[in-house]
N, C-alpha and C. Protein backbone atom coordinates (compact mmCIF):
# COMPACT_ATOMS: atom_id res chain seq x y z
N MET A 1 110.06 111.43 182.10
CA MET A 1 108.69 111.65 182.57
C MET A 1 107.87 110.38 182.37
N SER A 2 107.08 110.01 183.37
CA SER A 2 106.29 108.79 183.29
C SER A 2 105.17 108.91 182.26
N THR A 3 104.87 107.79 181.64
CA THR A 3 103.72 107.71 180.75
C THR A 3 102.45 107.69 181.58
N THR A 4 101.41 108.34 181.10
CA THR A 4 100.13 108.40 181.80
C THR A 4 99.03 107.80 180.93
N ILE A 5 98.17 107.01 181.55
CA ILE A 5 97.00 106.46 180.86
C ILE A 5 95.76 106.90 181.62
N ASP A 6 94.82 107.50 180.91
CA ASP A 6 93.53 107.86 181.49
C ASP A 6 92.60 106.65 181.40
N TYR A 7 92.00 106.33 182.52
CA TYR A 7 91.23 105.09 182.69
C TYR A 7 89.76 105.45 182.92
N TYR A 8 88.96 105.29 181.87
CA TYR A 8 87.53 105.61 181.94
C TYR A 8 86.74 104.33 182.19
N TYR A 9 85.92 104.36 183.24
CA TYR A 9 85.20 103.13 183.61
C TYR A 9 84.05 103.47 184.55
N THR A 10 83.17 102.50 184.69
CA THR A 10 82.13 102.58 185.71
C THR A 10 82.10 101.26 186.46
N HIS A 11 81.69 101.31 187.71
CA HIS A 11 81.75 100.13 188.56
C HIS A 11 80.68 99.10 188.26
N ILE A 12 79.73 99.44 187.42
CA ILE A 12 78.68 98.49 187.07
C ILE A 12 79.05 97.68 185.83
N SER A 13 80.26 97.86 185.34
CA SER A 13 80.72 97.18 184.13
C SER A 13 81.47 95.90 184.46
N PRO A 14 81.00 94.74 183.99
CA PRO A 14 81.74 93.49 184.23
C PRO A 14 83.09 93.50 183.53
N TRP A 15 83.15 94.20 182.41
CA TRP A 15 84.41 94.23 181.65
C TRP A 15 85.46 95.04 182.38
N ALA A 16 85.05 96.11 183.03
CA ALA A 16 85.99 96.88 183.84
C ALA A 16 86.50 96.02 185.00
N TYR A 17 85.60 95.25 185.60
CA TYR A 17 86.01 94.33 186.67
C TYR A 17 87.03 93.32 186.15
N LEU A 18 86.75 92.72 185.01
CA LEU A 18 87.64 91.69 184.47
C LEU A 18 89.01 92.24 184.11
N GLY A 19 89.07 93.51 183.72
CA GLY A 19 90.33 94.08 183.31
C GLY A 19 91.06 94.85 184.38
N HIS A 20 90.43 95.08 185.51
CA HIS A 20 90.98 96.01 186.51
C HIS A 20 92.36 95.58 187.01
N GLN A 21 92.49 94.37 187.48
CA GLN A 21 93.77 93.91 188.00
C GLN A 21 94.80 93.71 186.90
N PRO A 22 94.44 93.08 185.76
CA PRO A 22 95.43 92.97 184.67
C PRO A 22 95.94 94.32 184.18
N PHE A 23 95.06 95.32 184.13
CA PHE A 23 95.49 96.64 183.70
C PHE A 23 96.50 97.23 184.67
N GLN A 24 96.24 97.09 185.96
CA GLN A 24 97.19 97.61 186.94
C GLN A 24 98.53 96.89 186.86
N ALA A 25 98.49 95.58 186.61
CA ALA A 25 99.74 94.83 186.47
C ALA A 25 100.50 95.30 185.23
N LEU A 26 99.77 95.56 184.14
CA LEU A 26 100.39 96.06 182.92
C LEU A 26 101.03 97.43 183.17
N ALA A 27 100.31 98.29 183.85
CA ALA A 27 100.83 99.62 184.13
C ALA A 27 102.10 99.55 184.98
N ALA A 28 102.13 98.63 185.94
CA ALA A 28 103.30 98.49 186.79
C ALA A 28 104.51 98.02 185.99
N ARG A 29 104.28 97.14 185.02
CA ARG A 29 105.40 96.62 184.22
C ARG A 29 106.06 97.72 183.40
N TYR A 30 105.28 98.71 182.99
CA TYR A 30 105.80 99.77 182.11
C TYR A 30 105.93 101.11 182.81
N ASP A 31 105.86 101.09 184.14
CA ASP A 31 106.01 102.33 184.92
C ASP A 31 105.03 103.40 184.46
N VAL A 32 103.79 102.98 184.28
CA VAL A 32 102.73 103.87 183.80
C VAL A 32 101.94 104.41 184.98
N VAL A 33 101.63 105.69 184.92
CA VAL A 33 100.75 106.31 185.91
C VAL A 33 99.31 106.21 185.42
N ILE A 34 98.44 105.65 186.24
CA ILE A 34 97.02 105.52 185.90
C ILE A 34 96.25 106.69 186.50
N ARG A 35 95.45 107.34 185.66
CA ARG A 35 94.56 108.39 186.17
C ARG A 35 93.13 107.86 186.10
N PRO A 36 92.57 107.46 187.25
CA PRO A 36 91.20 106.93 187.25
C PRO A 36 90.19 108.01 186.89
N LYS A 37 89.27 107.67 185.97
CA LYS A 37 88.28 108.62 185.49
C LYS A 37 86.90 107.96 185.48
N PRO A 38 86.28 107.74 186.63
CA PRO A 38 84.93 107.17 186.63
C PRO A 38 84.00 108.02 185.77
N VAL A 39 83.14 107.35 185.02
CA VAL A 39 82.34 108.09 184.02
C VAL A 39 80.91 107.58 184.01
N ASP A 40 79.99 108.50 183.81
CA ASP A 40 78.57 108.18 183.67
C ASP A 40 78.34 107.74 182.22
N LEU A 41 78.06 106.46 182.03
CA LEU A 41 77.92 105.93 180.67
C LEU A 41 76.65 106.38 179.97
N SER A 42 75.66 106.82 180.72
CA SER A 42 74.40 107.20 180.07
C SER A 42 74.63 108.33 179.07
N GLY A 43 75.41 109.32 179.47
CA GLY A 43 75.69 110.43 178.56
C GLY A 43 76.60 110.01 177.42
N VAL A 44 77.53 109.10 177.70
CA VAL A 44 78.42 108.59 176.65
C VAL A 44 77.60 107.86 175.60
N PHE A 45 76.68 107.01 176.03
CA PHE A 45 75.84 106.27 175.08
C PHE A 45 74.98 107.22 174.25
N GLN A 46 74.40 108.23 174.91
CA GLN A 46 73.56 109.18 174.19
C GLN A 46 74.33 109.92 173.11
N SER A 47 75.58 110.22 173.41
CA SER A 47 76.38 111.00 172.46
C SER A 47 76.99 110.16 171.35
N THR A 48 77.15 108.86 171.60
CA THR A 48 77.88 108.02 170.64
C THR A 48 77.02 106.95 169.98
N GLY A 49 75.73 106.94 170.29
CA GLY A 49 74.84 105.97 169.63
C GLY A 49 74.79 104.61 170.29
N GLY A 50 75.35 104.49 171.49
CA GLY A 50 75.28 103.22 172.21
C GLY A 50 73.93 103.03 172.87
N LEU A 51 73.63 101.78 173.20
CA LEU A 51 72.37 101.46 173.85
C LEU A 51 72.63 100.82 175.21
N PRO A 52 71.82 101.16 176.22
CA PRO A 52 71.90 100.44 177.48
C PRO A 52 71.62 98.96 177.24
N LEU A 53 72.14 98.13 178.11
CA LEU A 53 72.04 96.68 177.92
C LEU A 53 70.62 96.21 177.64
N GLY A 54 69.66 96.69 178.43
CA GLY A 54 68.29 96.21 178.30
C GLY A 54 67.62 96.57 176.99
N LYS A 55 68.20 97.53 176.25
CA LYS A 55 67.61 97.94 174.97
C LYS A 55 68.31 97.32 173.77
N ARG A 56 69.31 96.49 174.03
CA ARG A 56 70.03 95.85 172.92
C ARG A 56 69.25 94.62 172.43
N HIS A 57 69.49 94.26 171.19
CA HIS A 57 68.86 93.07 170.63
C HIS A 57 69.21 91.86 171.49
N GLN A 58 68.27 90.91 171.56
CA GLN A 58 68.48 89.74 172.41
C GLN A 58 69.74 88.97 172.01
N ALA A 59 70.05 88.95 170.73
CA ALA A 59 71.26 88.24 170.30
C ALA A 59 72.51 88.86 170.92
N ARG A 60 72.52 90.19 171.03
CA ARG A 60 73.66 90.86 171.64
C ARG A 60 73.71 90.59 173.15
N GLN A 61 72.56 90.56 173.78
CA GLN A 61 72.52 90.25 175.21
C GLN A 61 72.99 88.82 175.47
N ASP A 62 72.58 87.91 174.60
CA ASP A 62 72.98 86.50 174.75
C ASP A 62 74.49 86.36 174.56
N TYR A 63 75.02 87.04 173.56
CA TYR A 63 76.45 86.92 173.28
C TYR A 63 77.28 87.50 174.43
N ARG A 64 76.76 88.53 175.08
CA ARG A 64 77.44 89.11 176.24
C ARG A 64 77.69 88.04 177.29
N PHE A 65 76.70 87.17 177.55
CA PHE A 65 76.88 86.12 178.55
C PHE A 65 77.93 85.10 178.11
N VAL A 66 77.97 84.80 176.83
CA VAL A 66 79.00 83.89 176.32
C VAL A 66 80.39 84.48 176.56
N GLU A 67 80.55 85.76 176.22
CA GLU A 67 81.83 86.42 176.41
C GLU A 67 82.22 86.51 177.89
N MET A 68 81.24 86.78 178.74
CA MET A 68 81.53 86.85 180.17
C MET A 68 82.09 85.53 180.68
N GLN A 69 81.52 84.41 180.22
CA GLN A 69 82.01 83.11 180.65
C GLN A 69 83.42 82.84 180.10
N ARG A 70 83.64 83.22 178.85
CA ARG A 70 84.97 83.03 178.27
C ARG A 70 86.03 83.78 179.05
N TRP A 71 85.76 85.06 179.33
CA TRP A 71 86.76 85.88 180.00
C TRP A 71 86.89 85.56 181.47
N ARG A 72 85.81 85.13 182.09
CA ARG A 72 85.90 84.65 183.49
C ARG A 72 86.91 83.50 183.56
N ASP A 73 86.79 82.56 182.62
CA ASP A 73 87.69 81.41 182.64
C ASP A 73 89.10 81.80 182.20
N SER A 74 89.21 82.69 181.21
CA SER A 74 90.52 83.11 180.74
C SER A 74 91.28 83.88 181.81
N ARG A 75 90.58 84.75 182.53
CA ARG A 75 91.22 85.53 183.60
C ARG A 75 91.34 84.72 184.90
N ASP A 76 90.61 83.61 184.97
CA ASP A 76 90.61 82.75 186.15
C ASP A 76 90.22 83.52 187.40
N VAL A 77 89.07 84.21 187.29
CA VAL A 77 88.53 84.97 188.42
C VAL A 77 87.06 84.62 188.61
N PRO A 78 86.55 84.77 189.81
CA PRO A 78 85.11 84.55 190.01
C PRO A 78 84.31 85.65 189.33
N LEU A 79 83.16 85.31 188.81
CA LEU A 79 82.29 86.29 188.17
C LEU A 79 80.86 85.80 188.24
N THR A 80 80.01 86.56 188.90
CA THR A 80 78.58 86.25 188.95
C THR A 80 77.95 86.76 187.67
N LEU A 81 77.38 85.86 186.88
CA LEU A 81 76.87 86.24 185.57
C LEU A 81 75.61 87.10 185.67
N LYS A 82 74.79 86.82 186.66
CA LYS A 82 73.56 87.60 186.85
C LYS A 82 73.50 88.08 188.30
N PRO A 83 74.20 89.16 188.60
CA PRO A 83 74.22 89.66 189.98
C PRO A 83 72.83 90.03 190.47
N LYS A 84 72.62 89.83 191.73
CA LYS A 84 71.33 90.11 192.35
C LYS A 84 70.97 91.59 192.22
N HIS A 85 71.97 92.45 192.26
CA HIS A 85 71.73 93.89 192.22
C HIS A 85 72.27 94.49 190.92
N PHE A 86 71.86 93.93 189.82
CA PHE A 86 72.23 94.47 188.50
C PHE A 86 70.98 94.53 187.64
N PRO A 87 70.69 95.68 187.04
CA PRO A 87 71.47 96.92 187.17
C PRO A 87 71.15 97.66 188.47
N THR A 88 72.10 98.45 188.89
CA THR A 88 71.90 99.35 190.02
C THR A 88 72.66 100.62 189.71
N SER A 89 72.41 101.66 190.44
CA SER A 89 73.09 102.92 190.17
C SER A 89 74.54 102.86 190.64
N PRO A 90 75.49 103.18 189.76
CA PRO A 90 76.89 103.21 190.18
C PRO A 90 77.34 104.57 190.68
N ARG A 91 76.46 105.54 190.76
CA ARG A 91 76.88 106.92 191.01
C ARG A 91 77.56 107.10 192.36
N LEU A 92 77.11 106.38 193.37
CA LEU A 92 77.72 106.52 194.69
C LEU A 92 79.16 106.01 194.66
N ALA A 93 79.36 104.83 194.09
CA ALA A 93 80.71 104.27 193.98
C ALA A 93 81.57 105.11 193.04
N ASP A 94 81.00 105.51 191.92
CA ASP A 94 81.75 106.36 190.98
C ASP A 94 82.17 107.66 191.66
N GLY A 95 81.27 108.23 192.46
CA GLY A 95 81.58 109.47 193.16
C GLY A 95 82.71 109.30 194.16
N CYS A 96 82.71 108.18 194.87
CA CYS A 96 83.80 107.93 195.83
C CYS A 96 85.13 107.81 195.11
N ALA A 97 85.16 107.06 194.02
CA ALA A 97 86.41 106.89 193.28
C ALA A 97 86.86 108.21 192.66
N THR A 98 85.91 109.02 192.22
CA THR A 98 86.24 110.33 191.66
C THR A 98 86.88 111.22 192.72
N TYR A 99 86.29 111.24 193.91
CA TYR A 99 86.85 112.02 195.01
C TYR A 99 88.24 111.52 195.40
N LEU A 100 88.38 110.20 195.53
CA LEU A 100 89.66 109.64 195.95
C LEU A 100 90.75 109.90 194.91
N ALA A 101 90.38 109.85 193.64
CA ALA A 101 91.36 110.14 192.59
C ALA A 101 91.85 111.58 192.70
N ALA A 102 90.92 112.50 192.92
CA ALA A 102 91.30 113.92 193.03
C ALA A 102 92.13 114.19 194.27
N ALA A 103 91.91 113.39 195.32
CA ALA A 103 92.62 113.58 196.59
C ALA A 103 93.89 112.74 196.67
N ASN A 104 94.28 112.12 195.54
CA ASN A 104 95.44 111.22 195.52
C ASN A 104 95.30 110.10 196.55
N GLY A 105 94.06 109.66 196.71
CA GLY A 105 93.78 108.56 197.62
C GLY A 105 93.75 107.23 196.89
N PRO A 106 93.34 106.18 197.59
CA PRO A 106 93.35 104.82 197.01
C PRO A 106 92.15 104.55 196.10
N ALA A 107 92.04 105.32 195.03
CA ALA A 107 90.89 105.17 194.13
C ALA A 107 90.85 103.80 193.48
N LEU A 108 91.99 103.31 193.03
CA LEU A 108 92.02 102.02 192.35
C LEU A 108 91.71 100.88 193.31
N GLN A 109 92.20 101.00 194.53
CA GLN A 109 91.90 99.97 195.54
C GLN A 109 90.41 99.99 195.89
N PHE A 110 89.85 101.19 196.01
CA PHE A 110 88.41 101.28 196.26
C PHE A 110 87.63 100.64 195.11
N SER A 111 88.03 100.93 193.89
CA SER A 111 87.31 100.37 192.74
C SER A 111 87.39 98.85 192.73
N ALA A 112 88.53 98.30 193.11
CA ALA A 112 88.65 96.84 193.19
C ALA A 112 87.62 96.27 194.15
N LEU A 113 87.43 96.94 195.29
CA LEU A 113 86.43 96.47 196.25
C LEU A 113 85.01 96.63 195.71
N ALA A 114 84.77 97.71 194.99
CA ALA A 114 83.44 97.92 194.42
C ALA A 114 83.13 96.88 193.36
N PHE A 115 84.10 96.57 192.51
CA PHE A 115 83.90 95.51 191.51
C PHE A 115 83.63 94.18 192.19
N GLN A 116 84.39 93.90 193.23
CA GLN A 116 84.20 92.66 193.99
C GLN A 116 82.79 92.59 194.57
N ALA A 117 82.32 93.73 195.08
CA ALA A 117 80.99 93.77 195.68
C ALA A 117 79.91 93.40 194.68
N VAL A 118 79.98 93.98 193.47
CA VAL A 118 78.95 93.73 192.47
C VAL A 118 79.08 92.35 191.85
N TRP A 119 80.29 92.04 191.38
CA TRP A 119 80.47 90.91 190.46
C TRP A 119 80.88 89.61 191.12
N VAL A 120 81.11 89.67 192.45
CA VAL A 120 81.45 88.45 193.17
C VAL A 120 80.54 88.24 194.37
N ASP A 121 80.36 89.30 195.16
CA ASP A 121 79.68 89.16 196.45
C ASP A 121 78.18 89.44 196.41
N ASP A 122 77.65 89.84 195.24
CA ASP A 122 76.21 90.08 195.11
C ASP A 122 75.71 91.17 196.06
N LEU A 123 76.47 92.25 196.18
CA LEU A 123 76.07 93.37 197.02
C LEU A 123 75.64 94.54 196.16
N ASP A 124 74.89 95.45 196.76
CA ASP A 124 74.35 96.61 196.05
C ASP A 124 75.21 97.83 196.32
N ILE A 125 75.98 98.27 195.31
CA ILE A 125 76.86 99.42 195.52
C ILE A 125 76.11 100.74 195.53
N ALA A 126 74.79 100.70 195.34
CA ALA A 126 73.99 101.90 195.55
C ALA A 126 73.64 102.10 197.02
N SER A 127 73.96 101.10 197.84
CA SER A 127 73.66 101.18 199.26
C SER A 127 74.79 101.88 200.02
N PRO A 128 74.48 102.95 200.75
CA PRO A 128 75.52 103.62 201.55
C PRO A 128 76.19 102.68 202.54
N ASN A 129 75.45 101.71 203.08
CA ASN A 129 76.05 100.78 204.05
C ASN A 129 77.15 99.95 203.40
N VAL A 130 76.93 99.53 202.17
CA VAL A 130 77.94 98.75 201.45
C VAL A 130 79.18 99.61 201.19
N ILE A 131 78.94 100.84 200.74
CA ILE A 131 80.05 101.75 200.46
C ILE A 131 80.83 102.07 201.73
N GLU A 132 80.12 102.29 202.83
CA GLU A 132 80.78 102.61 204.09
C GLU A 132 81.71 101.48 204.52
N ARG A 133 81.27 100.24 204.34
CA ARG A 133 82.12 99.11 204.73
C ARG A 133 83.39 99.06 203.88
N MET A 134 83.25 99.33 202.60
CA MET A 134 84.43 99.30 201.72
C MET A 134 85.41 100.40 202.10
N LEU A 135 84.91 101.58 202.37
CA LEU A 135 85.78 102.68 202.77
C LEU A 135 86.48 102.36 204.09
N GLY A 136 85.74 101.75 205.00
CA GLY A 136 86.33 101.35 206.27
C GLY A 136 87.42 100.31 206.08
N ASP A 137 87.22 99.38 205.15
CA ASP A 137 88.24 98.36 204.87
C ASP A 137 89.54 98.98 204.38
N LEU A 138 89.44 100.17 203.78
CA LEU A 138 90.64 100.88 203.30
C LEU A 138 91.21 101.82 204.35
N GLY A 139 90.62 101.80 205.54
CA GLY A 139 91.11 102.66 206.60
C GLY A 139 90.70 104.11 206.44
N LEU A 140 89.65 104.35 205.65
CA LEU A 140 89.19 105.71 205.41
C LEU A 140 87.97 106.03 206.27
N SER A 141 87.77 107.29 206.51
CA SER A 141 86.58 107.74 207.23
C SER A 141 85.42 107.79 206.25
N ALA A 142 84.48 106.87 206.39
CA ALA A 142 83.35 106.83 205.46
C ALA A 142 82.55 108.12 205.51
N SER A 143 82.36 108.67 206.69
CA SER A 143 81.57 109.89 206.80
C SER A 143 82.26 111.05 206.08
N ASP A 144 83.58 111.12 206.18
CA ASP A 144 84.31 112.19 205.51
C ASP A 144 84.20 112.07 204.00
N VAL A 145 84.40 110.86 203.48
CA VAL A 145 84.35 110.66 202.03
C VAL A 145 82.94 110.91 201.50
N LEU A 146 81.95 110.33 202.17
CA LEU A 146 80.58 110.48 201.68
C LEU A 146 80.09 111.92 201.76
N SER A 147 80.64 112.68 202.69
CA SER A 147 80.24 114.09 202.77
C SER A 147 80.84 114.91 201.64
N GLU A 148 81.90 114.40 201.03
CA GLU A 148 82.58 115.13 199.96
C GLU A 148 82.02 114.84 198.57
N ILE A 149 81.43 113.67 198.37
CA ILE A 149 81.15 113.27 196.99
C ILE A 149 80.02 114.07 196.33
N GLU A 150 79.20 114.74 197.14
CA GLU A 150 78.17 115.59 196.55
C GLU A 150 78.63 117.04 196.43
N SER A 151 79.88 117.29 196.74
CA SER A 151 80.38 118.66 196.65
C SER A 151 80.42 119.11 195.20
N ASP A 152 80.42 120.41 195.00
CA ASP A 152 80.49 120.95 193.64
C ASP A 152 81.75 120.49 192.93
N ALA A 153 82.86 120.41 193.67
CA ALA A 153 84.13 120.04 193.04
C ALA A 153 84.11 118.61 192.52
N VAL A 154 83.61 117.69 193.32
CA VAL A 154 83.58 116.28 192.89
C VAL A 154 82.57 116.09 191.77
N GLN A 155 81.42 116.71 191.87
CA GLN A 155 80.43 116.58 190.80
C GLN A 155 80.95 117.20 189.51
N ALA A 156 81.71 118.28 189.62
CA ALA A 156 82.30 118.89 188.43
C ALA A 156 83.33 117.95 187.80
N ASP A 157 84.11 117.26 188.64
CA ASP A 157 85.08 116.29 188.12
C ASP A 157 84.37 115.14 187.40
N TYR A 158 83.29 114.66 187.99
CA TYR A 158 82.53 113.54 187.40
C TYR A 158 81.93 113.95 186.06
N THR A 159 81.39 115.15 186.00
CA THR A 159 80.84 115.68 184.75
C THR A 159 81.95 115.88 183.72
N ARG A 160 83.08 116.38 184.19
CA ARG A 160 84.22 116.61 183.29
C ARG A 160 84.73 115.28 182.72
N ASN A 161 84.74 114.24 183.54
CA ASN A 161 85.16 112.93 183.03
C ASN A 161 84.30 112.50 181.85
N GLN A 162 83.00 112.72 181.96
CA GLN A 162 82.10 112.35 180.87
C GLN A 162 82.38 113.18 179.62
N SER A 163 82.55 114.48 179.80
CA SER A 163 82.83 115.34 178.65
C SER A 163 84.14 114.96 177.97
N GLU A 164 85.15 114.70 178.79
CA GLU A 164 86.44 114.28 178.23
C GLU A 164 86.30 112.96 177.48
N ALA A 165 85.57 112.03 178.07
CA ALA A 165 85.40 110.72 177.46
C ALA A 165 84.77 110.86 176.07
N ILE A 166 83.74 111.66 175.99
CA ILE A 166 83.06 111.85 174.70
C ILE A 166 83.99 112.49 173.69
N SER A 167 84.76 113.49 174.12
CA SER A 167 85.65 114.18 173.19
C SER A 167 86.79 113.29 172.72
N LEU A 168 87.16 112.30 173.52
CA LEU A 168 88.25 111.40 173.18
C LEU A 168 87.80 110.18 172.38
N GLY A 169 86.50 110.04 172.17
CA GLY A 169 85.99 108.90 171.42
C GLY A 169 85.75 107.67 172.26
N VAL A 170 85.62 107.84 173.58
CA VAL A 170 85.28 106.72 174.45
C VAL A 170 83.86 106.28 174.17
N ILE A 171 83.64 104.98 173.99
CA ILE A 171 82.29 104.48 173.69
C ILE A 171 81.80 103.42 174.67
N GLY A 172 82.60 103.10 175.67
CA GLY A 172 82.16 102.11 176.65
C GLY A 172 83.17 101.96 177.76
N SER A 173 82.86 101.06 178.68
CA SER A 173 83.70 100.82 179.86
C SER A 173 84.23 99.40 179.86
N PRO A 174 85.54 99.25 180.09
CA PRO A 174 86.54 100.27 180.34
C PRO A 174 87.16 100.76 179.04
N THR A 175 87.67 101.97 179.06
CA THR A 175 88.48 102.49 177.95
C THR A 175 89.75 103.08 178.54
N TYR A 176 90.86 102.68 177.97
CA TYR A 176 92.18 103.15 178.39
C TYR A 176 92.69 104.09 177.30
N VAL A 177 93.03 105.31 177.67
CA VAL A 177 93.44 106.30 176.67
C VAL A 177 94.92 106.62 176.85
N LEU A 178 95.71 106.26 175.84
CA LEU A 178 97.15 106.47 175.83
C LEU A 178 97.48 107.48 174.74
N ASN A 179 98.02 108.61 175.12
CA ASN A 179 98.39 109.65 174.15
C ASN A 179 97.22 110.03 173.24
N GLY A 180 96.04 110.06 173.81
CA GLY A 180 94.86 110.44 173.04
C GLY A 180 94.24 109.31 172.25
N GLU A 181 94.84 108.12 172.26
CA GLU A 181 94.30 106.97 171.51
C GLU A 181 93.51 106.07 172.45
N PRO A 182 92.21 105.89 172.19
CA PRO A 182 91.41 105.05 173.07
C PRO A 182 91.53 103.56 172.75
N PHE A 183 91.63 102.76 173.79
CA PHE A 183 91.60 101.30 173.69
C PHE A 183 90.36 100.85 174.46
N TRP A 184 89.32 100.49 173.74
CA TRP A 184 88.04 100.16 174.38
C TRP A 184 87.97 98.67 174.68
N GLY A 185 87.77 98.36 175.95
CA GLY A 185 87.55 96.98 176.35
C GLY A 185 88.78 96.33 176.96
N GLN A 186 88.55 95.53 178.00
CA GLN A 186 89.66 94.84 178.64
C GLN A 186 90.30 93.81 177.72
N ASP A 187 89.61 93.44 176.65
CA ASP A 187 90.21 92.54 175.67
C ASP A 187 91.19 93.25 174.75
N ARG A 188 91.39 94.56 174.94
CA ARG A 188 92.37 95.31 174.16
C ARG A 188 93.66 95.56 174.95
N LEU A 189 93.77 94.94 176.11
CA LEU A 189 94.97 95.17 176.92
C LEU A 189 96.24 94.69 176.22
N GLY A 190 96.14 93.64 175.45
CA GLY A 190 97.29 93.17 174.68
C GLY A 190 97.74 94.20 173.67
N LEU A 191 96.79 94.84 173.00
CA LEU A 191 97.13 95.89 172.03
C LEU A 191 97.69 97.12 172.74
N LEU A 192 97.16 97.41 173.91
CA LEU A 192 97.69 98.52 174.69
C LEU A 192 99.14 98.24 175.08
N GLU A 193 99.42 97.03 175.47
CA GLU A 193 100.81 96.68 175.82
C GLU A 193 101.74 96.81 174.62
N GLU A 194 101.26 96.40 173.45
CA GLU A 194 102.08 96.54 172.25
C GLU A 194 102.41 98.01 171.98
N ALA A 195 101.43 98.88 172.18
CA ALA A 195 101.65 100.31 171.97
C ALA A 195 102.66 100.86 172.97
N LEU A 196 102.58 100.42 174.22
CA LEU A 196 103.53 100.86 175.23
C LEU A 196 104.94 100.34 174.92
N LYS A 197 105.01 99.10 174.51
CA LYS A 197 106.30 98.48 174.26
C LYS A 197 107.01 99.13 173.07
N SER A 198 106.25 99.42 172.02
CA SER A 198 106.85 99.94 170.80
C SER A 198 107.10 101.45 170.88
N GLY A 199 106.31 102.15 171.71
CA GLY A 199 106.42 103.59 171.76
C GLY A 199 105.95 104.28 170.49
N ARG A 200 105.13 103.58 169.71
CA ARG A 200 104.65 104.12 168.43
C ARG A 200 103.80 105.36 168.63
N ALA A 201 103.65 106.11 167.54
CA ALA A 201 102.75 107.26 167.57
C ALA A 201 101.30 106.77 167.66
N PRO A 202 100.44 107.54 168.30
CA PRO A 202 99.04 107.10 168.43
C PRO A 202 98.32 107.08 167.10
N TYR A 203 97.44 106.11 166.94
CA TYR A 203 96.58 106.05 165.75
C TYR A 203 95.43 107.04 165.92
N ARG A 204 95.01 107.62 164.80
CA ARG A 204 93.94 108.60 164.80
C ARG A 204 92.87 108.20 163.79
N PRO A 205 91.64 108.66 163.98
CA PRO A 205 90.60 108.41 162.95
C PRO A 205 91.01 109.04 161.63
N LEU A 206 90.60 108.41 160.55
CA LEU A 206 90.94 108.94 159.23
C LEU A 206 89.92 109.98 158.79
């Protein structure tokens, strides 16, 4: 039976963008099935004591930019440090990925395009026109997908993702959950690989 990793993230996260392709490459190496779980971070922060970026101390905001530059260079990918449309609501993009995941569609490919839109191309993923173009690039009917994302089923999945994230100890985006053990941050991919390679039992809070 294949190993499964639950992938909690939001499209407005630069860290999820930086880790998205490396995570997929890691999963492919170990024959891992990824379950995309787009999540509303506002509820996660409220439940776990986290703060939205704008409410963090200036020193923390400054250090975030230092880390973004380090990881941009380490991953050798383009990254706009101050996107024109940041912050913006990720709910439309999150909803599309949630629907596509439930429909066994190209959720991860869609998310790659959404990350590219925010963190490279300076586009607003809260704009239906931007989302429609991305869906079209994947050969999907934008009208069909957009008509589904406000359905009770998709909204229930999105809400469930948040509840699951909180119960699993997820505190930010991205978080990769292997056998109930959360790995928070794309900088933990090396530790995630070690866990996959060794097949060790999951670590738990004491």
